[in-house]
Amino acid sequence: MDKTYKGMDEIVKSKDEILSKVESVSAVTQENSAASEEVAASSEELSASSEEVAAIAQNLHSMAIGLANVVDKFKV
């Protein structure tokens, strides 16, 4: 009987260790998921900022062409 109790005790300890490790893996997975969401949000912000910079650059280019045309009218 004593061996049976020891065996059961070891099974319970093993179960507790496995449960603890599964919970740790679950916590790490949740942290990774949150970090991935943050990276995705940052990427979207960066993409939007890049598009805005491209639009501003295009606007500046158009203004430079317009200014060059105006300056050409005053050249002798």
PDB file of N, CA and C in Angstrom:
ATOM      1  N   MET A   1       0.812  -1.204   0.000  1.00  0.00           N
ATOM      2  CA  MET A   1       0.000   0.000   0.000  1.00  0.00           C
ATOM      3  C   MET A   1       0.850   1.261   0.000  1.00  0.00           C
ATOM      4  N   ASP A   2       1.947   1.176   0.725  1.00  0.00           N
ATOM      5  CA  ASP A   2       2.811   2.351   0.840  1.00  0.00           C
ATOM      6  C   ASP A   2       3.353   2.758  -0.526  1.00  0.00           C
ATOM      7  N   LYS A   3       3.696   1.743  -1.343  1.00  0.00           N
ATOM      8  CA  LYS A   3       4.198   2.032  -2.688  1.00  0.00           C
ATOM      9  C   LYS A   3       3.114   2.696  -3.530  1.00  0.00           C
ATOM     10  N   THR A   4       1.891   2.265  -3.348  1.00  0.00           N
ATOM     11  CA  THR A   4       0.772   2.841  -4.094  1.00  0.00           C
ATOM     12  C   THR A   4       0.598   4.312  -3.742  1.00  0.00           C
ATOM     13  N   TYR A   5       0.671   4.635  -2.456  1.00  0.00           N
ATOM     14  CA  TYR A   5       0.538   6.031  -2.028  1.00  0.00           C
ATOM     15  C   TYR A   5       1.683   6.881  -2.573  1.00  0.00           C
ATOM     16  N   LYS A   6       2.895   6.326  -2.530  1.00  0.00           N
ATOM     17  CA  LYS A   6       4.044   7.062  -3.062  1.00  0.00           C
ATOM     18  C   LYS A   6       3.885   7.283  -4.566  1.00  0.00           C
ATOM     19  N   GLY A   7       3.414   6.243  -5.244  1.00  0.00           N
ATOM     20  CA  GLY A   7       3.190   6.366  -6.691  1.00  0.00           C
ATOM     21  C   GLY A   7       2.144   7.415  -7.004  1.00  0.00           C
ATOM     22  N   MET A   8       1.068   7.420  -6.252  1.00  0.00           N
ATOM     23  CA  MET A   8       0.012   8.419  -6.452  1.00  0.00           C
ATOM     24  C   MET A   8       0.525   9.817  -6.144  1.00  0.00           C
ATOM     25  N   ASP A   9       1.332   9.921  -5.100  1.00  0.00           N
ATOM     26  CA  ASP A   9       1.908  11.213  -4.732  1.00  0.00           C
ATOM     27  C   ASP A   9       2.798  11.737  -5.856  1.00  0.00           C
ATOM     28  N   GLU A  10       3.589  10.852  -6.444  1.00  0.00           N
ATOM     29  CA  GLU A  10       4.451  11.253  -7.556  1.00  0.00           C
ATOM     30  C   GLU A  10       3.624  11.667  -8.767  1.00  0.00           C
ATOM     31  N   ILE A  11       2.549  10.954  -9.021  1.00  0.00           N
ATOM     32  CA  ILE A  11       1.665  11.311 -10.137  1.00  0.00           C
ATOM     33  C   ILE A  11       1.071  12.695  -9.918  1.00  0.00           C
ATOM     34  N   VAL A  12       0.620  12.974  -8.705  1.00  0.00           N
ATOM     35  CA  VAL A  12       0.040  14.282  -8.389  1.00  0.00           C
ATOM     36  C   VAL A  12       1.091  15.377  -8.550  1.00  0.00           C
ATOM     37  N   LYS A  13       2.308  15.136  -8.069  1.00  0.00           N
ATOM     38  CA  LYS A  13       3.382  16.122  -8.210  1.00  0.00           C
ATOM     39  C   LYS A  13       3.700  16.370  -9.681  1.00  0.00           C
ATOM     40  N   SER A  14       3.767  15.292 -10.450  1.00  0.00           N
ATOM     41  CA  SER A  14       4.038  15.426 -11.885  1.00  0.00           C
ATOM     42  C   SER A  14       2.930  16.210 -12.574  1.00  0.00           C
ATOM     43  N   LYS A  15       1.693  15.915 -12.190  1.00  0.00           N
ATOM     44  CA  LYS A  15       0.549  16.630 -12.766  1.00  0.00           C
ATOM     45  C   LYS A  15       0.646  18.115 -12.459  1.00  0.00           C
ATOM     46  N   ASP A  16       0.997  18.448 -11.221  1.00  0.00           N
ATOM     47  CA  ASP A  16       1.119  19.845 -10.820  1.00  0.00           C
ATOM     48  C   ASP A  16       2.240  20.549 -11.591  1.00  0.00           C
ATOM     49  N   GLU A  17       3.356  19.857 -11.783  1.00  0.00           N
ATOM     50  CA  GLU A  17       4.463  20.437 -12.544  1.00  0.00           C
ATOM     51  C   GLU A  17       4.064  20.674 -13.996  1.00  0.00           C
ATOM     52  N   ILE A  18       3.395  19.688 -14.580  1.00  0.00           N
ATOM     53  CA  ILE A  18       2.951  19.830 -15.969  1.00  0.00           C
ATOM     54  C   ILE A  18       1.958  20.974 -16.091  1.00  0.00           C
ATOM     55  N   LEU A  19       1.025  21.057 -15.173  1.00  0.00           N
ATOM     56  CA  LEU A  19       0.039  22.136 -15.187  1.00  0.00           C
ATOM     57  C   LEU A  19       0.722  23.494 -15.075  1.00  0.00           C
ATOM     58  N   SER A  20       1.702  23.591 -14.194  1.00  0.00           N
ATOM     59  CA  SER A  20       2.441  24.840 -14.025  1.00  0.00           C
ATOM     60  C   SER A  20       3.163  25.228 -15.312  1.00  0.00           C
ATOM     61  N   LYS A  21       3.775  24.249 -15.965  1.00  0.00           N
ATOM     62  CA  LYS A  21       4.494  24.532 -17.209  1.00  0.00           C
ATOM     63  C   LYS A  21       3.541  24.918 -18.328  1.00  0.00           C
ATOM     64  N   VAL A  22       2.394  24.269 -18.395  1.00  0.00           N
ATOM     65  CA  VAL A  22       1.391  24.626 -19.398  1.00  0.00           C
ATOM     66  C   VAL A  22       0.904  26.054 -19.165  1.00  0.00           C
ATOM     67  N   GLU A  23       0.685  26.422 -17.912  1.00  0.00           N
ATOM     68  CA  GLU A  23       0.265  27.787 -17.593  1.00  0.00           C
ATOM     69  C   GLU A  23       1.345  28.785 -17.983  1.00  0.00           C
ATOM     70  N   SER A  24       2.608  28.437 -17.772  1.00  0.00           N
ATOM     71  CA  SER A  24       3.712  29.320 -18.162  1.00  0.00           C
ATOM     72  C   SER A  24       3.746  29.509 -19.673  1.00  0.00           C
ATOM     73  N   VAL A  25       3.592  28.413 -20.400  1.00  0.00           N
ATOM     74  CA  VAL A  25       3.571  28.496 -21.865  1.00  0.00           C
ATOM     75  C   VAL A  25       2.395  29.345 -22.325  1.00  0.00           C
ATOM     76  N   SER A  26       1.264  29.180 -21.688  1.00  0.00           N
ATOM     77  CA  SER A  26       0.083  29.970 -22.034  1.00  0.00           C
ATOM     78  C   SER A  26       0.329  31.457 -21.797  1.00  0.00           C
ATOM     79  N   ALA A  27       0.960  31.790 -20.683  1.00  0.00           N
ATOM     80  CA  ALA A  27       1.256  33.194 -20.376  1.00  0.00           C
ATOM     81  C   ALA A  27       2.213  33.782 -21.407  1.00  0.00           C
ATOM     82  N   VAL A  28       3.239  33.026 -21.763  1.00  0.00           N
ATOM     83  CA  VAL A  28       4.202  33.505 -22.764  1.00  0.00           C
ATOM     84  C   VAL A  28       3.514  33.686 -24.114  1.00  0.00           C
ATOM     85  N   THR A  29       2.631  32.765 -24.456  1.00  0.00           N
ATOM     86  CA  THR A  29       1.896  32.865 -25.713  1.00  0.00           C
ATOM     87  C   THR A  29       1.031  34.123 -25.739  1.00  0.00           C
ATOM     88  N   GLN A  30       0.381  34.428 -24.630  1.00  0.00           N
ATOM     89  CA  GLN A  30      -0.439  35.637 -24.552  1.00  0.00           C
ATOM     90  C   GLN A  30       0.426  36.887 -24.670  1.00  0.00           C
ATOM     91  N   GLU A  31       1.593  36.885 -24.030  1.00  0.00           N
ATOM     92  CA  GLU A  31       2.501  38.025 -24.130  1.00  0.00           C
ATOM     93  C   GLU A  31       2.976  38.209 -25.567  1.00  0.00           C
ATOM     94  N   ASN A  32       3.306  37.104 -26.229  1.00  0.00           N
ATOM     95  CA  ASN A  32       3.744  37.183 -27.622  1.00  0.00           C
ATOM     96  C   ASN A  32       2.632  37.700 -28.521  1.00  0.00           C
ATOM     97  N   SER A  33       1.424  37.276 -28.243  1.00  0.00           N
ATOM     98  CA  SER A  33       0.282  37.739 -29.022  1.00  0.00           C
ATOM     99  C   SER A  33       0.092  39.242 -28.862  1.00  0.00           C
ATOM    100  N   ALA A  34       0.198  39.721 -27.635  1.00  0.00           N
ATOM    101  CA  ALA A  34       0.065  41.160 -27.381  1.00  0.00           C
ATOM    102  C   ALA A  34       1.182  41.928 -28.075  1.00  0.00           C
ATOM    103  N   ALA A  35       2.397  41.405 -28.016  1.00  0.00           N
ATOM    104  CA  ALA A  35       3.526  42.068 -28.670  1.00  0.00           C
ATOM    105  C   ALA A  35       3.331  42.091 -30.183  1.00  0.00           C
ATOM    106  N   SER A  36       2.810  41.015 -30.737  1.00  0.00           N
ATOM    107  CA  SER A  36       2.552  40.956 -32.179  1.00  0.00           C
ATOM    108  C   SER A  36       1.507  41.990 -32.587  1.00  0.00           C
ATOM    109  N   GLU A  37       0.492  42.151 -31.760  1.00  0.00           N
ATOM    110  CA  GLU A  37      -0.534  43.158 -32.046  1.00  0.00           C
ATOM    111  C   GLU A  37       0.067  44.561 -32.014  1.00  0.00           C
ATOM    112  N   GLU A  38       0.967  44.814 -31.067  1.00  0.00           N
ATOM    113  CA  GLU A  38       1.622  46.119 -30.992  1.00  0.00           C
ATOM    114  C   GLU A  38       2.485  46.365 -32.224  1.00  0.00           C
ATOM    115  N   VAL A  39       3.200  45.344 -32.659  1.00  0.00           N
ATOM    116  CA  VAL A  39       4.040  45.473 -33.853  1.00  0.00           C
ATOM    117  C   VAL A  39       3.168  45.754 -35.076  1.00  0.00           C
ATOM    118  N   ALA A  40       2.051  45.060 -35.189  1.00  0.00           N
ATOM    119  CA  ALA A  40       1.141  45.277 -36.314  1.00  0.00           C
ATOM    120  C   ALA A  40       0.598  46.703 -36.302  1.00  0.00           C
ATOM    121  N   ALA A  41       0.218  47.192 -35.133  1.00  0.00           N
ATOM    122  CA  ALA A  41      -0.295  48.563 -35.025  1.00  0.00           C
ATOM    123  C   ALA A  41       0.790  49.569 -35.387  1.00  0.00           C
ATOM    124  N   SER A  42       2.008  49.332 -34.926  1.00  0.00           N
ATOM    125  CA  SER A  42       3.119  50.228 -35.253  1.00  0.00           C
ATOM    126  C   SER A  42       3.406  50.218 -36.748  1.00  0.00           C
ATOM    127  N   SER A  43       3.313  49.056 -37.358  1.00  0.00           N
ATOM    128  CA  SER A  43       3.534  48.947 -38.805  1.00  0.00           C
ATOM    129  C   SER A  43       2.480  49.730 -39.574  1.00  0.00           C
ATOM    130  N   GLU A  44       1.247  49.651 -39.117  1.00  0.00           N
ATOM    131  CA  GLU A  44       0.173  50.402 -39.770  1.00  0.00           C
ATOM    132  C   GLU A  44       0.410  51.904 -39.633  1.00  0.00           C
ATOM    133  N   GLU A  45       0.839  52.343 -38.453  1.00  0.00           N
ATOM    134  CA  GLU A  45       1.134  53.762 -38.247  1.00  0.00           C
ATOM    135  C   GLU A  45       2.282  54.208 -39.143  1.00  0.00           C
ATOM    136  N   LEU A  46       3.312  53.384 -39.236  1.00  0.00           N
ATOM    137  CA  LEU A  46       4.460  53.709 -40.074  1.00  0.00           C
ATOM    138  C   LEU A  46       4.051  53.790 -41.535  1.00  0.00           C
ATOM    139  N   SER A  47       3.211  52.877 -41.962  1.00  0.00           N
ATOM    140  CA  SER A  47       2.728  52.890 -43.339  1.00  0.00           C
ATOM    141  C   SER A  47       1.930  54.162 -43.625  1.00  0.00           C
ATOM    142  N   ALA A  48       1.066  54.535 -42.703  1.00  0.00           N
ATOM    143  CA  ALA A  48       0.273  55.759 -42.868  1.00  0.00           C
ATOM    144  C   ALA A  48       1.179  56.985 -42.905  1.00  0.00           C
ATOM    145  N   SER A  49       2.185  57.016 -42.043  1.00  0.00           N
ATOM    146  CA  SER A  49       3.126  58.138 -42.029  1.00  0.00           C
ATOM    147  C   SER A  49       3.914  58.204 -43.328  1.00  0.00           C
ATOM    148  N   SER A  50       4.310  57.062 -43.840  1.00  0.00           N
ATOM    149  CA  SER A  50       5.053  57.019 -45.103  1.00  0.00           C
ATOM    150  C   SER A  50       4.202  57.548 -46.248  1.00  0.00           C
ATOM    151  N   GLU A  51       2.941  57.169 -46.266  1.00  0.00           N
ATOM    152  CA  GLU A  51       2.033  57.669 -47.300  1.00  0.00           C
ATOM    153  C   GLU A  51       1.865  59.181 -47.187  1.00  0.00           C
ATOM    154  N   GLU A  52       1.784  59.676 -45.960  1.00  0.00           N
ATOM    155  CA  GLU A  52       1.648  61.117 -45.745  1.00  0.00           C
ATOM    156  C   GLU A  52       2.897  61.854 -46.224  1.00  0.00           C
ATOM    157  N   VAL A  53       4.069  61.321 -45.914  1.00  0.00           N
ATOM    158  CA  VAL A  53       5.326  61.932 -46.360  1.00  0.00           C
ATOM    159  C   VAL A  53       5.396  61.923 -47.884  1.00  0.00           C
ATOM    160  N   ALA A  54       4.974  60.831 -48.511  1.00  0.00           N
ATOM    161  CA  ALA A  54       4.985  60.749 -49.973  1.00  0.00           C
ATOM    162  C   ALA A  54       4.059  61.800 -50.580  1.00  0.00           C
ATOM    163  N   ALA A  55       2.896  61.997 -49.984  1.00  0.00           N
ATOM    164  CA  ALA A  55       1.956  63.003 -50.483  1.00  0.00           C
ATOM    165  C   ALA A  55       2.533  64.407 -50.327  1.00  0.00           C
ATOM    166  N   ILE A  56       3.175  64.669 -49.204  1.00  0.00           N
ATOM    167  CA  ILE A  56       3.795  65.980 -48.979  1.00  0.00           C
ATOM    168  C   ILE A  56       4.926  66.204 -49.973  1.00  0.00           C
ATOM    169  N   ALA A  57       5.727  65.167 -50.219  1.00  0.00           N
ATOM    170  CA  ALA A  57       6.824  65.280 -51.184  1.00  0.00           C
ATOM    171  C   ALA A  57       6.280  65.574 -52.578  1.00  0.00           C
ATOM    172  N   GLN A  58       5.201  64.916 -52.951  1.00  0.00           N
ATOM    173  CA  GLN A  58       4.587  65.169 -54.255  1.00  0.00           C
ATOM    174  C   GLN A  58       4.078  66.605 -54.337  1.00  0.00           C
ATOM    175  N   ASN A  59       3.485  67.088 -53.263  1.00  0.00           N
ATOM    176  CA  ASN A  59       2.995  68.463 -53.219  1.00  0.00           C
ATOM    177  C   ASN A  59       4.154  69.449 -53.354  1.00  0.00           C
ATOM    178  N   LEU A  60       5.251  69.193 -52.648  1.00  0.00           N
ATOM    179  CA  LEU A  60       6.428  70.063 -52.750  1.00  0.00           C
ATOM    180  C   LEU A  60       6.996  70.051 -54.159  1.00  0.00           C
ATOM    181  N   HIS A  61       6.999  68.893 -54.785  1.00  0.00           N
ATOM    182  CA  HIS A  61       7.486  68.781 -56.158  1.00  0.00           C
ATOM    183  C   HIS A  61       6.635  69.641 -57.095  1.00  0.00           C
ATOM    184  N   SER A  62       5.325  69.549 -56.936  1.00  0.00           N
ATOM    185  CA  SER A  62       4.417  70.356 -57.761  1.00  0.00           C
ATOM    186  C   SER A  62       4.635  71.842 -57.519  1.00  0.00           C
ATOM    187  N   MET A  63       4.833  72.218 -56.253  1.00  0.00           N
ATOM    188  CA  MET A  63       5.084  73.628 -55.936  1.00  0.00           C
ATOM    189  C   MET A  63       6.403  74.096 -56.546  1.00  0.00           C
ATOM    190  N   ALA A  64       7.421  73.253 -56.534  1.00  0.00           N
ATOM    191  CA  ALA A  64       8.717  73.617 -57.105  1.00  0.00           C
ATOM    192  C   ALA A  64       8.602  73.829 -58.610  1.00  0.00           C
ATOM    193  N   ILE A  65       7.844  72.974 -59.269  1.00  0.00           N
ATOM    194  CA  ILE A  65       7.635  73.141 -60.711  1.00  0.00           C
ATOM    195  C   ILE A  65       6.894  74.445 -60.981  1.00  0.00           C
ATOM    196  N   GLY A  66       5.860  74.711 -60.187  1.00  0.00           N
ATOM    197  CA  GLY A  66       5.119  75.962 -60.347  1.00  0.00           C
ATOM    198  C   GLY A  66       5.999  77.174 -60.115  1.00  0.00           C
ATOM    199  N   LEU A  67       6.836  77.130 -59.103  1.00  0.00           N
ATOM    200  CA  LEU A  67       7.749  78.234 -58.814  1.00  0.00           C
ATOM    201  C   LEU A  67       8.749  78.408 -59.950  1.00  0.00           C
ATOM    202  N   ALA A  68       9.260  77.310 -60.480  1.00  0.00           N
ATOM    203  CA  ALA A  68      10.206  77.395 -61.599  1.00  0.00           C
ATOM    204  C   ALA A  68       9.539  78.036 -62.809  1.00  0.00           C
ATOM    205  N   ASN A  69       8.292  77.721 -63.068  1.00  0.00           N
ATOM    206  CA  ASN A  69       7.562  78.322 -64.192  1.00  0.00           C
ATOM    207  C   ASN A  69       7.371  79.820 -63.985  1.00  0.00           C
ATOM    208  N   VAL A  70       7.068  80.225 -62.762  1.00  0.00           N
ATOM    209  CA  VAL A  70       6.896  81.651 -62.464  1.00  0.00           C
ATOM    210  C   VAL A  70       8.222  82.383 -62.623  1.00  0.00           C
ATOM    211  N   VAL A  71       9.298  81.809 -62.124  1.00  0.00           N
ATOM    212  CA  VAL A  71      10.618  82.433 -62.223  1.00  0.00           C
ATOM    213  C   VAL A  71      11.032  82.553 -63.684  1.00  0.00           C
ATOM    214  N   ASP A  72      10.716  81.557 -64.504  1.00  0.00           N
ATOM    215  CA  ASP A  72      11.062  81.610 -65.931  1.00  0.00           C
ATOM    216  C   ASP A  72      10.411  82.797 -66.629  1.00  0.00           C
ATOM    217  N   LYS A  73       9.245  83.223 -66.176  1.00  0.00           N
ATOM    218  CA  LYS A  73       8.555  84.359 -66.795  1.00  0.00           C
ATOM    219  C   LYS A  73       9.310  85.663 -66.567  1.00  0.00           C
ATOM    220  N   PHE A  74      10.091  85.734 -65.487  1.00  0.00           N
ATOM    221  CA  PHE A  74      10.797  86.963 -65.165  1.00  0.00           C
ATOM    222  C   PHE A  74      12.227  86.977 -65.692  1.00  0.00           C
ATOM    223  N   LYS A  75      12.681  85.887 -66.280  1.00  0.00           N
ATOM    224  CA  LYS A  75      14.040  85.840 -66.811  1.00  0.00           C
ATOM    225  C   LYS A  75      14.117  86.680 -68.075  1.00  0.00           C
ATOM    226  N   VAL A  76      15.227  87.330 -68.235  1.00  0.00           N
ATOM    227  CA  VAL A  76      15.419  88.194 -69.400  1.00  0.00           C
ATOM    228  C   VAL A  76      16.191  87.476 -70.468  1.00  0.00           C
TER     229      VAL A  76
END
